[in-house]
């Protein structure tokens, strides 16, 4: 049986970045989980794991998704206290979705 991966559709999502709990995570490059919450409550949240925050951070910056101030705040929350950071709900477009390779398996 093969699994197809489908890209999430462009749309408005609230995003949460949180540390991924790993035994050998480095303080310099923590692994992170990105949670996308669709605006419709009945739709499921999508979870994506990344090996480093710097990978995600750079793409959010390059595509203009987040301001430097937002990214600096996320840095502080992830590096000190290991707290999640929530980005306000905004529209995610295809170039950013493709740059982050946001796919999920079809049921």
N, C-alpha and C. Protein backbone atom coordinates (compact mmCIF):
# COMPACT_ATOMS: atom_id res chain seq x y z
N UNK A 1 0.84 -1.16 0.00
CA UNK A 1 0.00 0.00 0.00
C UNK A 1 0.90 1.24 0.00
N UNK A 2 0.63 2.17 -0.89
CA UNK A 2 1.42 3.40 -0.96
C UNK A 2 0.63 4.55 -0.36
N UNK A 3 1.37 5.49 0.23
CA UNK A 3 0.74 6.67 0.79
C UNK A 3 1.06 7.86 -0.10
N UNK A 4 0.04 8.61 -0.45
CA UNK A 4 0.24 9.85 -1.18
C UNK A 4 0.33 10.97 -0.17
N UNK A 5 1.12 11.96 -0.48
CA UNK A 5 1.18 13.14 0.37
C UNK A 5 0.48 14.27 -0.36
N UNK A 6 -0.35 15.00 0.36
CA UNK A 6 -1.09 16.11 -0.21
C UNK A 6 -0.65 17.39 0.48
N UNK A 7 -0.42 18.41 -0.30
CA UNK A 7 -0.05 19.68 0.29
C UNK A 7 -1.27 20.31 0.94
N UNK A 8 -1.05 20.99 2.04
CA UNK A 8 -2.16 21.70 2.65
C UNK A 8 -2.57 22.84 1.72
N UNK A 9 -3.82 23.17 1.67
CA UNK A 9 -4.25 24.25 0.78
C UNK A 9 -3.85 25.61 1.34
N UNK A 10 -3.65 26.57 0.43
CA UNK A 10 -3.43 27.94 0.88
C UNK A 10 -4.68 28.36 1.64
N UNK A 11 -4.51 29.17 2.64
CA UNK A 11 -5.66 29.62 3.42
C UNK A 11 -5.22 30.31 4.68
N UNK A 12 -6.20 30.73 5.45
CA UNK A 12 -5.93 31.44 6.69
C UNK A 12 -5.77 30.44 7.83
N UNK A 13 -4.64 30.52 8.51
CA UNK A 13 -4.35 29.63 9.63
C UNK A 13 -3.74 30.44 10.76
N UNK A 14 -3.99 30.00 11.98
CA UNK A 14 -3.20 30.47 13.12
C UNK A 14 -2.08 29.46 13.25
N UNK A 15 -0.89 29.91 13.59
CA UNK A 15 0.25 29.00 13.67
C UNK A 15 0.86 29.04 15.06
N UNK A 16 1.23 27.87 15.55
CA UNK A 16 1.93 27.76 16.83
C UNK A 16 3.26 27.07 16.55
N UNK A 17 4.33 27.67 17.05
CA UNK A 17 5.66 27.06 16.99
C UNK A 17 6.00 26.62 18.40
N UNK A 18 6.35 25.36 18.57
CA UNK A 18 6.74 24.91 19.91
C UNK A 18 7.93 23.98 19.81
N UNK A 19 8.71 23.91 20.88
CA UNK A 19 9.87 23.02 20.86
C UNK A 19 9.43 21.57 20.74
N UNK A 20 10.22 20.80 20.03
CA UNK A 20 9.99 19.36 19.95
C UNK A 20 10.86 18.73 21.02
N UNK A 21 10.25 18.00 21.88
CA UNK A 21 10.98 17.40 22.99
C UNK A 21 11.78 16.21 22.47
N UNK A 22 13.09 16.34 22.53
CA UNK A 22 13.99 15.27 22.14
C UNK A 22 15.07 15.13 23.20
N UNK A 23 15.61 13.94 23.33
CA UNK A 23 16.65 13.69 24.35
C UNK A 23 17.94 14.45 24.08
N UNK A 24 18.31 14.50 22.83
CA UNK A 24 19.59 15.11 22.51
C UNK A 24 19.42 16.40 21.70
N UNK A 25 18.44 17.20 22.10
CA UNK A 25 18.25 18.47 21.39
C UNK A 25 19.32 19.46 21.82
N UNK A 26 19.75 20.27 20.89
CA UNK A 26 20.79 21.26 21.15
C UNK A 26 20.14 22.61 21.44
N UNK A 27 20.69 23.36 22.36
CA UNK A 27 20.16 24.69 22.66
C UNK A 27 20.36 25.64 21.49
N UNK A 28 21.35 25.39 20.65
CA UNK A 28 21.62 26.28 19.53
C UNK A 28 20.61 26.07 18.39
N UNK A 29 20.22 24.86 18.13
CA UNK A 29 19.34 24.55 17.00
C UNK A 29 18.22 23.61 17.46
N UNK A 30 17.27 24.10 18.23
CA UNK A 30 16.24 23.17 18.72
C UNK A 30 15.31 22.71 17.60
N UNK A 31 14.90 21.46 17.69
CA UNK A 31 13.88 20.97 16.78
C UNK A 31 12.55 21.61 17.19
N UNK A 32 11.69 21.83 16.21
CA UNK A 32 10.42 22.49 16.51
C UNK A 32 9.27 21.78 15.82
N UNK A 33 8.08 22.02 16.34
CA UNK A 33 6.85 21.53 15.76
C UNK A 33 6.03 22.77 15.37
N UNK A 34 5.51 22.75 14.15
CA UNK A 34 4.64 23.81 13.66
C UNK A 34 3.23 23.25 13.65
N UNK A 35 2.31 23.93 14.31
CA UNK A 35 0.91 23.51 14.34
C UNK A 35 0.10 24.57 13.60
N UNK A 36 -0.60 24.16 12.56
CA UNK A 36 -1.48 25.07 11.83
C UNK A 36 -2.91 24.79 12.23
N UNK A 37 -3.58 25.83 12.70
CA UNK A 37 -4.97 25.71 13.12
C UNK A 37 -5.85 26.39 12.09
N UNK A 38 -6.70 25.63 11.40
CA UNK A 38 -7.60 26.24 10.42
C UNK A 38 -8.66 27.09 11.11
N UNK A 39 -9.25 28.05 10.39
CA UNK A 39 -10.24 28.93 11.01
C UNK A 39 -11.54 28.21 11.38
N UNK A 40 -11.82 27.10 10.70
CA UNK A 40 -13.04 26.34 10.99
C UNK A 40 -12.73 25.33 12.09
N UNK A 41 -13.45 25.42 13.19
CA UNK A 41 -13.19 24.58 14.36
C UNK A 41 -13.31 23.10 14.04
N UNK A 42 -14.18 22.74 13.13
CA UNK A 42 -14.40 21.32 12.81
C UNK A 42 -13.23 20.70 12.06
N UNK A 43 -12.39 21.52 11.44
CA UNK A 43 -11.25 20.99 10.69
C UNK A 43 -10.10 20.67 11.65
N UNK A 44 -9.37 19.62 11.33
CA UNK A 44 -8.28 19.17 12.20
C UNK A 44 -7.06 20.08 12.08
N UNK A 45 -6.35 20.21 13.20
CA UNK A 45 -5.07 20.92 13.19
C UNK A 45 -4.06 20.06 12.43
N UNK A 46 -3.09 20.73 11.80
CA UNK A 46 -2.04 20.03 11.08
C UNK A 46 -0.72 20.21 11.83
N UNK A 47 0.02 19.12 12.03
CA UNK A 47 1.29 19.15 12.77
C UNK A 47 2.44 18.83 11.83
N UNK A 48 3.49 19.64 11.89
CA UNK A 48 4.67 19.44 11.05
C UNK A 48 5.91 19.58 11.91
N UNK A 49 6.83 18.67 11.75
CA UNK A 49 8.05 18.65 12.55
C UNK A 49 9.24 19.10 11.70
N UNK A 50 10.14 19.89 12.30
CA UNK A 50 11.32 20.38 11.61
C UNK A 50 12.55 20.17 12.49
N UNK A 51 13.69 19.88 11.87
CA UNK A 51 14.89 19.62 12.65
C UNK A 51 15.47 20.84 13.34
N UNK A 52 15.12 22.03 12.86
CA UNK A 52 15.65 23.22 13.53
C UNK A 52 14.71 24.41 13.37
N UNK A 53 14.71 25.26 14.38
CA UNK A 53 13.95 26.50 14.33
C UNK A 53 14.54 27.45 13.29
N UNK A 54 15.84 27.45 13.13
CA UNK A 54 16.46 28.38 12.17
C UNK A 54 15.96 28.13 10.74
N UNK A 55 15.71 26.88 10.38
CA UNK A 55 15.17 26.55 9.06
C UNK A 55 13.81 27.21 8.86
N UNK A 56 12.92 27.03 9.82
CA UNK A 56 11.57 27.58 9.72
C UNK A 56 11.63 29.11 9.80
N UNK A 57 12.41 29.62 10.73
CA UNK A 57 12.50 31.07 10.95
C UNK A 57 12.94 31.80 9.67
N UNK A 58 13.95 31.29 9.00
CA UNK A 58 14.46 31.95 7.81
C UNK A 58 13.41 32.00 6.71
N UNK A 59 12.65 30.94 6.54
CA UNK A 59 11.61 30.92 5.51
C UNK A 59 10.45 31.84 5.87
N UNK A 60 10.08 31.89 7.13
CA UNK A 60 9.03 32.84 7.55
C UNK A 60 9.48 34.27 7.27
N UNK A 61 10.76 34.55 7.49
CA UNK A 61 11.30 35.89 7.25
C UNK A 61 11.38 36.19 5.75
N UNK A 62 11.95 35.26 4.99
CA UNK A 62 12.14 35.48 3.55
C UNK A 62 10.80 35.71 2.84
N UNK A 63 9.78 34.97 3.22
CA UNK A 63 8.49 35.10 2.56
C UNK A 63 7.61 36.18 3.18
N UNK A 64 8.16 36.94 4.11
CA UNK A 64 7.42 38.06 4.70
C UNK A 64 6.25 37.64 5.56
N UNK A 65 6.28 36.39 6.03
CA UNK A 65 5.17 35.90 6.84
C UNK A 65 5.17 36.52 8.22
N UNK A 66 6.36 36.75 8.77
CA UNK A 66 6.47 37.27 10.12
C UNK A 66 7.48 38.42 10.15
N UNK A 67 7.20 39.38 11.01
CA UNK A 67 8.12 40.51 11.15
C UNK A 67 9.33 40.09 11.98
N UNK A 68 10.40 40.87 11.90
CA UNK A 68 11.58 40.59 12.71
C UNK A 68 11.22 40.59 14.19
N UNK A 69 10.34 41.51 14.59
CA UNK A 69 9.92 41.58 16.01
C UNK A 69 9.21 40.30 16.43
N UNK A 70 8.31 39.79 15.59
CA UNK A 70 7.63 38.53 15.91
C UNK A 70 8.62 37.38 16.00
N UNK A 71 9.55 37.33 15.06
CA UNK A 71 10.53 36.24 15.06
C UNK A 71 11.46 36.33 16.25
N UNK A 72 11.84 37.55 16.65
CA UNK A 72 12.67 37.72 17.85
C UNK A 72 11.92 37.25 19.09
N UNK A 73 10.63 37.56 19.16
CA UNK A 73 9.81 37.10 20.30
C UNK A 73 9.72 35.58 20.33
N UNK A 74 9.57 34.98 19.14
CA UNK A 74 9.52 33.52 19.06
C UNK A 74 10.85 32.93 19.51
N UNK A 75 11.97 33.55 19.10
CA UNK A 75 13.30 33.08 19.53
C UNK A 75 13.38 33.01 21.04
N UNK A 76 12.98 34.10 21.68
CA UNK A 76 13.09 34.19 23.14
C UNK A 76 12.25 33.11 23.80
N UNK A 77 11.02 32.93 23.32
CA UNK A 77 10.13 31.95 23.94
C UNK A 77 10.62 30.53 23.73
N UNK A 78 11.21 30.26 22.56
CA UNK A 78 11.69 28.91 22.31
C UNK A 78 13.00 28.61 23.04
N UNK A 79 13.86 29.59 23.16
CA UNK A 79 15.18 29.35 23.74
C UNK A 79 15.22 29.47 25.26
N UNK A 80 14.27 30.21 25.83
CA UNK A 80 14.30 30.35 27.30
C UNK A 80 13.02 29.75 27.87
N UNK A 81 12.70 28.99 28.56
CA UNK A 81 11.39 28.59 29.04
C UNK A 81 10.66 27.57 28.19
N UNK A 82 11.13 27.31 26.99
CA UNK A 82 10.55 26.28 26.14
C UNK A 82 9.03 26.41 26.01
N UNK A 83 8.59 27.63 25.78
CA UNK A 83 7.16 27.89 25.63
C UNK A 83 6.80 28.00 24.16
N UNK A 84 5.57 27.65 23.83
CA UNK A 84 5.15 27.81 22.43
C UNK A 84 4.96 29.28 22.08
N UNK A 85 5.05 29.59 20.82
CA UNK A 85 4.80 30.95 20.34
C UNK A 85 3.67 30.87 19.32
N UNK A 86 2.65 31.71 19.49
CA UNK A 86 1.50 31.72 18.58
C UNK A 86 1.56 32.92 17.67
N UNK A 87 1.53 32.66 16.36
CA UNK A 87 1.41 33.73 15.38
C UNK A 87 -0.08 34.01 15.19
N UNK A 88 -0.43 35.25 15.01
CA UNK A 88 -1.83 35.58 14.78
C UNK A 88 -2.31 34.91 13.49
N UNK A 89 -3.60 34.74 13.39
CA UNK A 89 -4.19 34.10 12.22
C UNK A 89 -3.93 34.97 11.00
N UNK A 90 -3.39 34.35 9.96
CA UNK A 90 -3.12 35.07 8.71
C UNK A 90 -3.10 34.09 7.55
N UNK A 91 -3.09 34.62 6.36
CA UNK A 91 -3.16 33.78 5.17
C UNK A 91 -1.79 33.20 4.83
N UNK A 92 -1.76 31.88 4.66
CA UNK A 92 -0.56 31.17 4.22
C UNK A 92 -0.71 30.93 2.73
N UNK A 93 0.31 31.33 1.97
CA UNK A 93 0.27 31.19 0.52
C UNK A 93 1.14 30.02 0.06
N UNK A 94 0.92 29.61 -1.18
CA UNK A 94 1.60 28.44 -1.75
C UNK A 94 3.13 28.52 -1.70
N UNK A 95 3.77 29.65 -2.03
CA UNK A 95 5.24 29.64 -2.00
C UNK A 95 5.82 29.28 -0.63
N UNK A 96 5.21 29.78 0.44
CA UNK A 96 5.69 29.44 1.79
C UNK A 96 5.38 27.98 2.11
N UNK A 97 4.19 27.53 1.75
CA UNK A 97 3.80 26.13 2.00
C UNK A 97 4.77 25.18 1.29
N UNK A 98 5.13 25.52 0.05
CA UNK A 98 6.07 24.67 -0.69
C UNK A 98 7.48 24.76 -0.13
N UNK A 99 7.90 25.96 0.29
CA UNK A 99 9.24 26.12 0.85
C UNK A 99 9.41 25.32 2.13
N UNK A 100 8.35 25.21 2.90
CA UNK A 100 8.41 24.43 4.14
C UNK A 100 8.05 22.96 3.91
N UNK A 101 7.63 22.61 2.69
CA UNK A 101 7.22 21.25 2.35
C UNK A 101 6.13 20.76 3.30
N UNK A 102 5.08 21.55 3.42
CA UNK A 102 3.98 21.18 4.32
C UNK A 102 3.04 20.21 3.61
N UNK A 103 3.24 18.94 3.90
CA UNK A 103 2.40 17.89 3.33
C UNK A 103 1.85 17.03 4.46
N UNK A 104 0.75 16.39 4.19
CA UNK A 104 0.22 15.44 5.17
C UNK A 104 -0.28 14.22 4.42
N UNK A 105 -0.24 13.05 5.06
CA UNK A 105 -0.65 11.83 4.36
C UNK A 105 -2.16 11.80 4.12
N UNK A 106 -2.55 11.29 2.98
CA UNK A 106 -3.98 11.11 2.73
C UNK A 106 -4.49 9.94 3.56
N UNK A 107 -5.72 10.02 4.02
CA UNK A 107 -6.26 8.89 4.81
C UNK A 107 -6.46 7.65 3.99
